[in-house]
Amino acid sequence: MTIPTLTSAHLASAPYGHSTQFSRAGVVNSPRSKAPMGIVFHTPGSTWAKGIWDKLADKSAANFDEKAAAAFDGREYQPNYLIGTTGKIFQLDVDSNRTQHAGKLANNAPNKDIYATREWAKWASPSDGSGFRLHGRSPETVYDWWFAAFPGHNTPLTVFPWKDLPNSAIGVDLVPVVDGSPSQNTKQQHEAAAWLIKELAALHKFPIGKTTVTTHSMCSPVERGTVSSKGSIIGTPWDLPPKHFPLNDIIQSLSVARV
């Protein structure tokens, strides 16, 4: 099966520019056996981005984006696309390759079938890397944001077409702003993301909606939806945070545009 990819000719119409000049040396990406089923958005994290920012003599946004993209080139865990703070789109690997932007859900959990039932919501693996554990709070309190997003569903396995393999979707990371600005992401990134969603959906023929275009937190809530605070588990989707990346609004705007 031949799976198409966005080419430089496609990407030439991106609103804030693009780059496809990456070596991809050393990556473990593998050819897809079927077309991508959607898009999963991520953040590489402010700590990672700040590490790059602090080493720069030229702290212009354009240079920061270029250095962030270069740091992802050849990285084992990388998305297909990276959107810089300027809105520039970097294609790190072609669409026909499955990148390791997200592994199998709860692969390191004590219970490998953790998402099989609603019992998953009793678990947490917070952002501090302390691992999987029973959080001991009301599941509806910790994961109220997830159940509100997908009423009638008990588990991510019934929501997303890729079930427990989110890297069956195309991965897109947004470089976080680390210059002290109040928002983690920029308006240019939102606009570039909207353009990329539209182009990828048209090319790979998947519908644009919240079950096919999502964030890592939404498809992996246990691993990407909790933080530890003063010994208690707090539910919050941090990969990516909705207050910084209004994906639902972007999806709605694209839906209106298609009517």
C-alpha atoms as a PDB file:
ATOM      1  CA  MET A   1       0.000   0.000   0.000  1.00  0.00           C
ATOM      2  CA  THR A   2       1.344   3.409  -0.984  1.00  0.00           C
ATOM      3  CA  ILE A   3       0.737   6.042   1.666  1.00  0.00           C
ATOM      4  CA  PRO A   4       1.101   9.646   0.483  1.00  0.00           C
ATOM      5  CA  THR A   5       2.883  12.368   2.417  1.00  0.00           C
ATOM      6  CA  LEU A   6       2.859  16.134   2.478  1.00  0.00           C
ATOM      7  CA  THR A   7       5.666  17.223   0.162  1.00  0.00           C
ATOM      8  CA  SER A   8       7.596  20.477   0.030  1.00  0.00           C
ATOM      9  CA  ALA A   9       5.142  21.563  -2.668  1.00  0.00           C
ATOM     10  CA  HIS A  10       2.228  20.974  -0.262  1.00  0.00           C
ATOM     11  CA  LEU A  11       4.023  22.642   2.617  1.00  0.00           C
ATOM     12  CA  ALA A  12       4.963  25.693   0.535  1.00  0.00           C
ATOM     13  CA  SER A  13       1.532  27.162   1.272  1.00  0.00           C
ATOM     14  CA  ALA A  14       1.929  26.845   5.056  1.00  0.00           C
ATOM     15  CA  PRO A  15       1.123  30.232   6.601  1.00  0.00           C
ATOM     16  CA  TYR A  16       4.465  30.768   8.352  1.00  0.00           C
ATOM     17  CA  GLY A  17       6.914  28.722   6.312  1.00  0.00           C
ATOM     18  CA  HIS A  18       8.239  25.182   6.472  1.00  0.00           C
ATOM     19  CA  SER A  19      11.352  23.018   6.420  1.00  0.00           C
ATOM     20  CA  THR A  20      11.912  19.410   5.364  1.00  0.00           C
ATOM     21  CA  GLN A  21      15.721  19.416   5.635  1.00  0.00           C
ATOM     22  CA  PHE A  22      16.393  16.768   8.273  1.00  0.00           C
ATOM     23  CA  SER A  23      18.780  13.814   8.256  1.00  0.00           C
ATOM     24  CA  ARG A  24      16.508  11.410  10.209  1.00  0.00           C
ATOM     25  CA  ALA A  25      19.678   9.467  11.050  1.00  0.00           C
ATOM     26  CA  GLY A  26      19.343   6.985  13.872  1.00  0.00           C
ATOM     27  CA  VAL A  27      15.560   7.096  14.237  1.00  0.00           C
ATOM     28  CA  VAL A  28      13.621   3.860  14.760  1.00  0.00           C
ATOM     29  CA  ASN A  29      10.571   4.920  12.755  1.00  0.00           C
ATOM     30  CA  SER A  30       9.006   2.204  10.631  1.00  0.00           C
ATOM     31  CA  PRO A  31       6.806   2.181   7.499  1.00  0.00           C
ATOM     32  CA  ARG A  32       3.069   2.305   8.127  1.00  0.00           C
ATOM     33  CA  SER A  33       0.928  -0.591   6.930  1.00  0.00           C
ATOM     34  CA  LYS A  34      -2.133   1.656   6.554  1.00  0.00           C
ATOM     35  CA  ALA A  35      -2.907   5.338   6.272  1.00  0.00           C
ATOM     36  CA  PRO A  36      -2.744   7.543   9.394  1.00  0.00           C
ATOM     37  CA  MET A  37      -6.054   7.570  11.274  1.00  0.00           C
ATOM     38  CA  GLY A  38      -5.777  11.104  12.620  1.00  0.00           C
ATOM     39  CA  ILE A  39      -3.478  13.477  14.515  1.00  0.00           C
ATOM     40  CA  VAL A  40      -2.187  13.506  18.093  1.00  0.00           C
ATOM     41  CA  PHE A  41      -0.766  16.818  19.329  1.00  0.00           C
ATOM     42  CA  HIS A  42       1.944  16.990  22.009  1.00  0.00           C
ATOM     43  CA  THR A  43       4.265  19.341  23.834  1.00  0.00           C
ATOM     44  CA  PRO A  44       7.934  18.377  24.215  1.00  0.00           C
ATOM     45  CA  GLY A  45       7.808  20.152  27.578  1.00  0.00           C
ATOM     46  CA  SER A  46       8.982  23.493  28.917  1.00  0.00           C
ATOM     47  CA  THR A  47      11.972  21.960  30.714  1.00  0.00           C
ATOM     48  CA  TRP A  48      13.285  20.524  27.445  1.00  0.00           C
ATOM     49  CA  ALA A  49      12.638  23.781  25.590  1.00  0.00           C
ATOM     50  CA  LYS A  50      14.220  25.902  28.331  1.00  0.00           C
ATOM     51  CA  GLY A  51      17.360  23.777  28.116  1.00  0.00           C
ATOM     52  CA  ILE A  52      17.703  24.772  24.461  1.00  0.00           C
ATOM     53  CA  TRP A  53      16.744  28.408  25.073  1.00  0.00           C
ATOM     54  CA  ASP A  54      19.303  28.925  27.845  1.00  0.00           C
ATOM     55  CA  LYS A  55      22.188  27.873  25.567  1.00  0.00           C
ATOM     56  CA  LEU A  56      21.321  30.322  22.785  1.00  0.00           C
ATOM     57  CA  ALA A  57      23.297  33.486  22.174  1.00  0.00           C
ATOM     58  CA  ASP A  58      20.762  34.495  19.517  1.00  0.00           C
ATOM     59  CA  LYS A  59      17.441  34.256  21.326  1.00  0.00           C
ATOM     60  CA  SER A  60      15.285  35.256  18.391  1.00  0.00           C
ATOM     61  CA  ALA A  61      12.161  33.142  17.989  1.00  0.00           C
ATOM     62  CA  ALA A  62      13.271  31.986  14.552  1.00  0.00           C
ATOM     63  CA  ASN A  63      16.643  30.749  15.825  1.00  0.00           C
ATOM     64  CA  PHE A  64      15.019  29.085  18.844  1.00  0.00           C
ATOM     65  CA  ASP A  65      12.652  27.184  16.547  1.00  0.00           C
ATOM     66  CA  GLU A  66      15.469  26.050  14.272  1.00  0.00           C
ATOM     67  CA  LYS A  67      17.545  24.781  17.185  1.00  0.00           C
ATOM     68  CA  ALA A  68      14.519  23.002  18.699  1.00  0.00           C
ATOM     69  CA  ALA A  69      13.845  21.265  15.381  1.00  0.00           C
ATOM     70  CA  ALA A  70      17.512  20.284  15.045  1.00  0.00           C
ATOM     71  CA  ALA A  71      17.385  18.772  18.548  1.00  0.00           C
ATOM     72  CA  PHE A  72      14.493  16.560  17.453  1.00  0.00           C
ATOM     73  CA  ASP A  73      16.286  15.382  14.298  1.00  0.00           C
ATOM     74  CA  GLY A  74      17.335  11.793  14.913  1.00  0.00           C
ATOM     75  CA  ARG A  75      15.673  11.677  18.334  1.00  0.00           C
ATOM     76  CA  GLU A  76      14.145   8.299  19.167  1.00  0.00           C
ATOM     77  CA  TYR A  77      10.859   9.773  20.352  1.00  0.00           C
ATOM     78  CA  GLN A  78       9.861  12.272  17.741  1.00  0.00           C
ATOM     79  CA  PRO A  79       6.688  13.387  15.964  1.00  0.00           C
ATOM     80  CA  ASN A  80       6.178  13.621  12.229  1.00  0.00           C
ATOM     81  CA  TYR A  81       5.862  17.409  12.512  1.00  0.00           C
ATOM     82  CA  LEU A  82       7.084  20.129  14.858  1.00  0.00           C
ATOM     83  CA  ILE A  83       5.464  23.569  14.895  1.00  0.00           C
ATOM     84  CA  GLY A  84       7.792  26.307  16.096  1.00  0.00           C
ATOM     85  CA  THR A  85       6.786  29.340  18.138  1.00  0.00           C
ATOM     86  CA  THR A  86       6.830  31.417  14.937  1.00  0.00           C
ATOM     87  CA  GLY A  87       4.350  29.025  13.334  1.00  0.00           C
ATOM     88  CA  LYS A  88       6.970  27.482  11.049  1.00  0.00           C
ATOM     89  CA  ILE A  89       6.245  23.802  10.329  1.00  0.00           C
ATOM     90  CA  PHE A  90       9.168  21.367  10.417  1.00  0.00           C
ATOM     91  CA  GLN A  91       8.582  17.968   8.813  1.00  0.00           C
ATOM     92  CA  LEU A  92      10.748  15.582  10.841  1.00  0.00           C
ATOM     93  CA  ASP A  93       9.629  12.456   9.016  1.00  0.00           C
ATOM     94  CA  VAL A  94       7.251  11.607   6.207  1.00  0.00           C
ATOM     95  CA  ASP A  95       3.623  10.692   6.859  1.00  0.00           C
ATOM     96  CA  SER A  96       4.169   7.145   5.586  1.00  0.00           C
ATOM     97  CA  ASN A  97       6.462   6.433   8.553  1.00  0.00           C
ATOM     98  CA  ARG A  98       5.109   5.650  11.999  1.00  0.00           C
ATOM     99  CA  THR A  99       7.080   7.842  14.392  1.00  0.00           C
ATOM    100  CA  GLN A 100       7.492   7.022  18.078  1.00  0.00           C
ATOM    101  CA  HIS A 101       5.601  10.076  19.312  1.00  0.00           C
ATOM    102  CA  ALA A 102       3.399   7.924  21.571  1.00  0.00           C
ATOM    103  CA  GLY A 103       3.779   4.325  22.608  1.00  0.00           C
ATOM    104  CA  LYS A 104       1.121   1.760  23.403  1.00  0.00           C
ATOM    105  CA  LEU A 105      -1.196   3.055  26.111  1.00  0.00           C
ATOM    106  CA  ALA A 106      -0.182   2.181  29.675  1.00  0.00           C
ATOM    107  CA  ASN A 107       2.553  -0.116  28.396  1.00  0.00           C
ATOM    108  CA  ASN A 108       4.418   0.108  31.718  1.00  0.00           C
ATOM    109  CA  ALA A 109       1.359  -0.188  33.955  1.00  0.00           C
ATOM    110  CA  PRO A 110       1.058  -3.070  36.455  1.00  0.00           C
ATOM    111  CA  ASN A 111      -2.175  -3.994  34.690  1.00  0.00           C
ATOM    112  CA  LYS A 112      -1.476  -4.124  30.945  1.00  0.00           C
ATOM    113  CA  ASP A 113      -5.211  -3.934  30.190  1.00  0.00           C
ATOM    114  CA  ILE A 114      -5.693  -0.885  32.372  1.00  0.00           C
ATOM    115  CA  TYR A 115      -7.967   0.835  29.812  1.00  0.00           C
ATOM    116  CA  ALA A 116     -10.188  -2.222  29.255  1.00  0.00           C
ATOM    117  CA  THR A 117     -12.872  -0.881  31.603  1.00  0.00           C
ATOM    118  CA  ARG A 118     -13.776   2.315  33.447  1.00  0.00           C
ATOM    119  CA  GLU A 119     -11.510   1.083  36.264  1.00  0.00           C
ATOM    120  CA  TRP A 120      -8.636   2.873  34.493  1.00  0.00           C
ATOM    121  CA  ALA A 121      -9.817   6.097  36.126  1.00  0.00           C
ATOM    122  CA  LYS A 122      -8.658   4.798  39.522  1.00  0.00           C
ATOM    123  CA  TRP A 123      -5.065   4.988  38.283  1.00  0.00           C
ATOM    124  CA  ALA A 124      -2.587   7.788  37.710  1.00  0.00           C
ATOM    125  CA  SER A 125       0.938   8.154  36.384  1.00  0.00           C
ATOM    126  CA  PRO A 126       1.664  11.807  37.184  1.00  0.00           C
ATOM    127  CA  SER A 127       3.919  14.145  35.279  1.00  0.00           C
ATOM    128  CA  ASP A 128       6.716  13.924  37.852  1.00  0.00           C
ATOM    129  CA  GLY A 129       7.656  10.460  36.541  1.00  0.00           C
ATOM    130  CA  SER A 130       6.863   8.668  39.809  1.00  0.00           C
ATOM    131  CA  GLY A 131       5.052   5.897  37.939  1.00  0.00           C
ATOM    132  CA  PHE A 132       1.661   4.207  37.998  1.00  0.00           C
ATOM    133  CA  ARG A 133      -0.331   4.025  41.189  1.00  0.00           C
ATOM    134  CA  LEU A 134      -3.873   3.951  42.502  1.00  0.00           C
ATOM    135  CA  HIS A 135      -4.630   7.580  43.309  1.00  0.00           C
ATOM    136  CA  GLY A 136      -7.236   6.911  46.011  1.00  0.00           C
ATOM    137  CA  ARG A 137      -9.585   9.711  44.986  1.00  0.00           C
ATOM    138  CA  SER A 138     -12.933   9.757  43.213  1.00  0.00           C
ATOM    139  CA  PRO A 139     -12.270   8.855  39.553  1.00  0.00           C
ATOM    140  CA  GLU A 140     -14.983  11.308  38.479  1.00  0.00           C
ATOM    141  CA  THR A 141     -13.160  14.081  40.334  1.00  0.00           C
ATOM    142  CA  VAL A 142      -9.685  13.355  38.976  1.00  0.00           C
ATOM    143  CA  TYR A 143     -10.802  12.741  35.406  1.00  0.00           C
ATOM    144  CA  ASP A 144     -13.876  14.993  35.214  1.00  0.00           C
ATOM    145  CA  TRP A 145     -12.272  16.800  32.250  1.00  0.00           C
ATOM    146  CA  TRP A 146     -11.969  13.551  30.275  1.00  0.00           C
ATOM    147  CA  PHE A 147     -15.480  12.243  30.942  1.00  0.00           C
ATOM    148  CA  ALA A 148     -16.920  15.687  30.101  1.00  0.00           C
ATOM    149  CA  ALA A 149     -15.081  15.634  26.769  1.00  0.00           C
ATOM    150  CA  PHE A 150     -16.425  12.189  25.804  1.00  0.00           C
ATOM    151  CA  PRO A 151     -19.863  11.675  27.389  1.00  0.00           C
ATOM    152  CA  GLY A 152     -21.176   8.134  27.074  1.00  0.00           C
ATOM    153  CA  HIS A 153     -17.680   6.633  26.871  1.00  0.00           C
ATOM    154  CA  ASN A 154     -15.992   4.716  29.664  1.00  0.00           C
ATOM    155  CA  THR A 155     -12.536   4.323  28.130  1.00  0.00           C
ATOM    156  CA  PRO A 156     -10.299   5.848  25.427  1.00  0.00           C
ATOM    157  CA  LEU A 157     -10.404   2.494  23.619  1.00  0.00           C
ATOM    158  CA  THR A 158     -13.974   3.222  22.462  1.00  0.00           C
ATOM    159  CA  VAL A 159     -13.260   6.836  21.522  1.00  0.00           C
ATOM    160  CA  PHE A 160     -10.322   6.813  19.141  1.00  0.00           C
ATOM    161  CA  PRO A 161      -9.967   4.738  15.959  1.00  0.00           C
ATOM    162  CA  TRP A 162      -6.415   3.733  16.899  1.00  0.00           C
ATOM    163  CA  LYS A 163      -7.599   2.295  20.265  1.00  0.00           C
ATOM    164  CA  ASP A 164      -4.410   1.736  22.352  1.00  0.00           C
ATOM    165  CA  LEU A 165      -1.876   2.628  19.623  1.00  0.00           C
ATOM    166  CA  PRO A 166      -1.870   6.430  19.244  1.00  0.00           C
ATOM    167  CA  ASN A 167       1.193   6.397  17.014  1.00  0.00           C
ATOM    168  CA  SER A 168      -1.156   5.023  14.351  1.00  0.00           C
ATOM    169  CA  ALA A 169      -1.993   8.721  14.093  1.00  0.00           C
ATOM    170  CA  ILE A 170       0.399  11.403  12.895  1.00  0.00           C
ATOM    171  CA  GLY A 171       2.287  13.073  15.738  1.00  0.00           C
ATOM    172  CA  VAL A 172       2.616  16.853  15.910  1.00  0.00           C
ATOM    173  CA  ASP A 173       4.552  18.694  18.642  1.00  0.00           C
ATOM    174  CA  LEU A 174       4.236  22.388  19.468  1.00  0.00           C
ATOM    175  CA  VAL A 175       7.415  24.014  20.770  1.00  0.00           C
ATOM    176  CA  PRO A 176       6.512  25.784  24.037  1.00  0.00           C
ATOM    177  CA  VAL A 177       7.276  29.449  24.577  1.00  0.00           C
ATOM    178  CA  VAL A 178       9.836  29.880  27.370  1.00  0.00           C
ATOM    179  CA  ASP A 179      10.607  33.615  27.183  1.00  0.00           C
ATOM    180  CA  GLY A 180       8.302  34.539  30.048  1.00  0.00           C
ATOM    181  CA  SER A 181       5.159  35.040  27.964  1.00  0.00           C
ATOM    182  CA  PRO A 182       1.909  34.115  29.754  1.00  0.00           C
ATOM    183  CA  SER A 183       0.845  31.578  27.123  1.00  0.00           C
ATOM    184  CA  GLN A 184       2.747  28.379  26.386  1.00  0.00           C
ATOM    185  CA  ASN A 185       1.830  28.573  22.698  1.00  0.00           C
ATOM    186  CA  THR A 186       1.378  31.352  20.153  1.00  0.00           C
ATOM    187  CA  LYS A 187      -1.376  32.502  17.817  1.00  0.00           C
ATOM    188  CA  GLN A 188       0.890  31.630  14.896  1.00  0.00           C
ATOM    189  CA  GLN A 189       1.148  28.045  16.181  1.00  0.00           C
ATOM    190  CA  HIS A 190      -2.648  27.808  16.424  1.00  0.00           C
ATOM    191  CA  GLU A 191      -3.001  29.032  12.841  1.00  0.00           C
ATOM    192  CA  ALA A 192      -0.282  26.694  11.568  1.00  0.00           C
ATOM    193  CA  ALA A 193      -1.911  23.776  13.418  1.00  0.00           C
ATOM    194  CA  ALA A 194      -5.273  24.561  11.796  1.00  0.00           C
ATOM    195  CA  TRP A 195      -3.639  24.620   8.351  1.00  0.00           C
ATOM    196  CA  LEU A 196      -1.823  21.345   8.998  1.00  0.00           C
ATOM    197  CA  ILE A 197      -4.970  19.603  10.272  1.00  0.00           C
ATOM    198  CA  LYS A 198      -6.852  20.594   7.134  1.00  0.00           C
ATOM    199  CA  GLU A 199      -4.072  19.451   4.798  1.00  0.00           C
ATOM    200  CA  LEU A 200      -3.432  16.127   6.536  1.00  0.00           C
ATOM    201  CA  ALA A 201      -7.135  15.277   6.807  1.00  0.00           C
ATOM    202  CA  ALA A 202      -7.632  15.938   3.102  1.00  0.00           C
ATOM    203  CA  LEU A 203      -4.565  13.932   2.106  1.00  0.00           C
ATOM    204  CA  HIS A 204      -5.263  10.909   4.329  1.00  0.00           C
ATOM    205  CA  LYS A 205      -9.055  11.086   4.173  1.00  0.00           C
ATOM    206  CA  PHE A 206      -9.905  11.084   7.875  1.00  0.00           C
ATOM    207  CA  PRO A 207     -12.698  13.273   9.275  1.00  0.00           C
ATOM    208  CA  ILE A 208     -11.859  16.312  11.367  1.00  0.00           C
ATOM    209  CA  GLY A 209     -13.330  15.883  14.827  1.00  0.00           C
ATOM    210  CA  LYS A 210     -12.332  15.410  18.443  1.00  0.00           C
ATOM    211  CA  THR A 211     -12.067  11.617  18.061  1.00  0.00           C
ATOM    212  CA  THR A 212      -9.545  11.877  15.213  1.00  0.00           C
ATOM    213  CA  VAL A 213      -7.721  15.127  16.050  1.00  0.00           C
ATOM    214  CA  THR A 214      -6.739  15.224  19.696  1.00  0.00           C
ATOM    215  CA  THR A 215      -3.994  15.709  22.254  1.00  0.00           C
ATOM    216  CA  HIS A 216      -1.861  13.128  24.005  1.00  0.00           C
ATOM    217  CA  SER A 217      -3.668  13.893  27.270  1.00  0.00           C
ATOM    218  CA  MET A 218      -7.029  13.000  25.789  1.00  0.00           C
ATOM    219  CA  CYS A 219      -5.954   9.669  24.306  1.00  0.00           C
ATOM    220  CA  SER A 220      -3.667   8.786  27.257  1.00  0.00           C
ATOM    221  CA  PRO A 221      -5.323  10.371  30.310  1.00  0.00           C
ATOM    222  CA  VAL A 222      -3.629   8.215  32.957  1.00  0.00           C
ATOM    223  CA  GLU A 223      -0.152   8.961  31.598  1.00  0.00           C
ATOM    224  CA  ARG A 224      -0.725  12.541  30.425  1.00  0.00           C
ATOM    225  CA  GLY A 225      -3.554  13.861  32.576  1.00  0.00           C
ATOM    226  CA  THR A 226      -2.431  14.064  36.195  1.00  0.00           C
ATOM    227  CA  VAL A 227       0.069  15.904  38.376  1.00  0.00           C
ATOM    228  CA  SER A 228       1.158  15.288  41.952  1.00  0.00           C
ATOM    229  CA  SER A 229       0.615  18.171  44.368  1.00  0.00           C
ATOM    230  CA  LYS A 230       1.386  17.954  48.105  1.00  0.00           C
ATOM    231  CA  GLY A 231       0.961  14.197  48.052  1.00  0.00           C
ATOM    232  CA  SER A 232      -2.368  14.286  46.240  1.00  0.00           C
ATOM    233  CA  ILE A 233      -3.143  13.475  42.604  1.00  0.00           C
ATOM    234  CA  ILE A 234      -4.742  16.324  40.658  1.00  0.00           C
ATOM    235  CA  GLY A 235      -6.366  15.728  37.294  1.00  0.00           C
ATOM    236  CA  THR A 236      -5.237  18.146  34.592  1.00  0.00           C
ATOM    237  CA  PRO A 237      -4.503  17.568  30.890  1.00  0.00           C
ATOM    238  CA  TRP A 238      -0.938  18.843  30.518  1.00  0.00           C
ATOM    239  CA  ASP A 239      -0.006  17.411  27.094  1.00  0.00           C
ATOM    240  CA  LEU A 240      -1.229  19.834  25.686  1.00  0.00           C
ATOM    241  CA  PRO A 241      -3.086  22.151  28.127  1.00  0.00           C
ATOM    242  CA  PRO A 242      -6.391  23.374  26.595  1.00  0.00           C
ATOM    243  CA  LYS A 243      -5.877  26.861  28.037  1.00  0.00           C
ATOM    244  CA  HIS A 244      -2.754  27.241  25.875  1.00  0.00           C
ATOM    245  CA  PHE A 245      -3.846  25.235  22.832  1.00  0.00           C
ATOM    246  CA  PRO A 246      -7.580  25.675  22.055  1.00  0.00           C
ATOM    247  CA  LEU A 247      -7.889  22.579  19.883  1.00  0.00           C
ATOM    248  CA  ASN A 248     -11.664  22.306  20.222  1.00  0.00           C
ATOM    249  CA  ASP A 249     -12.036  25.863  18.900  1.00  0.00           C
ATOM    250  CA  ILE A 250      -9.695  25.069  16.010  1.00  0.00           C
ATOM    251  CA  ILE A 251     -11.690  21.936  15.130  1.00  0.00           C
ATOM    252  CA  GLN A 252     -14.936  23.903  15.315  1.00  0.00           C
ATOM    253  CA  SER A 253     -13.589  26.634  13.039  1.00  0.00           C
ATOM    254  CA  LEU A 254     -12.535  24.046  10.457  1.00  0.00           C
ATOM    255  CA  SER A 255     -15.947  22.359  10.683  1.00  0.00           C
ATOM    256  CA  VAL A 256     -17.712  25.689  10.065  1.00  0.00           C
ATOM    257  CA  ALA A 257     -15.397  26.390   7.119  1.00  0.00           C
ATOM    258  CA  ARG A 258     -16.411  23.081   5.501  1.00  0.00           C
ATOM    259  CA  VAL A 259     -20.153  23.784   5.659  1.00  0.00           C
END
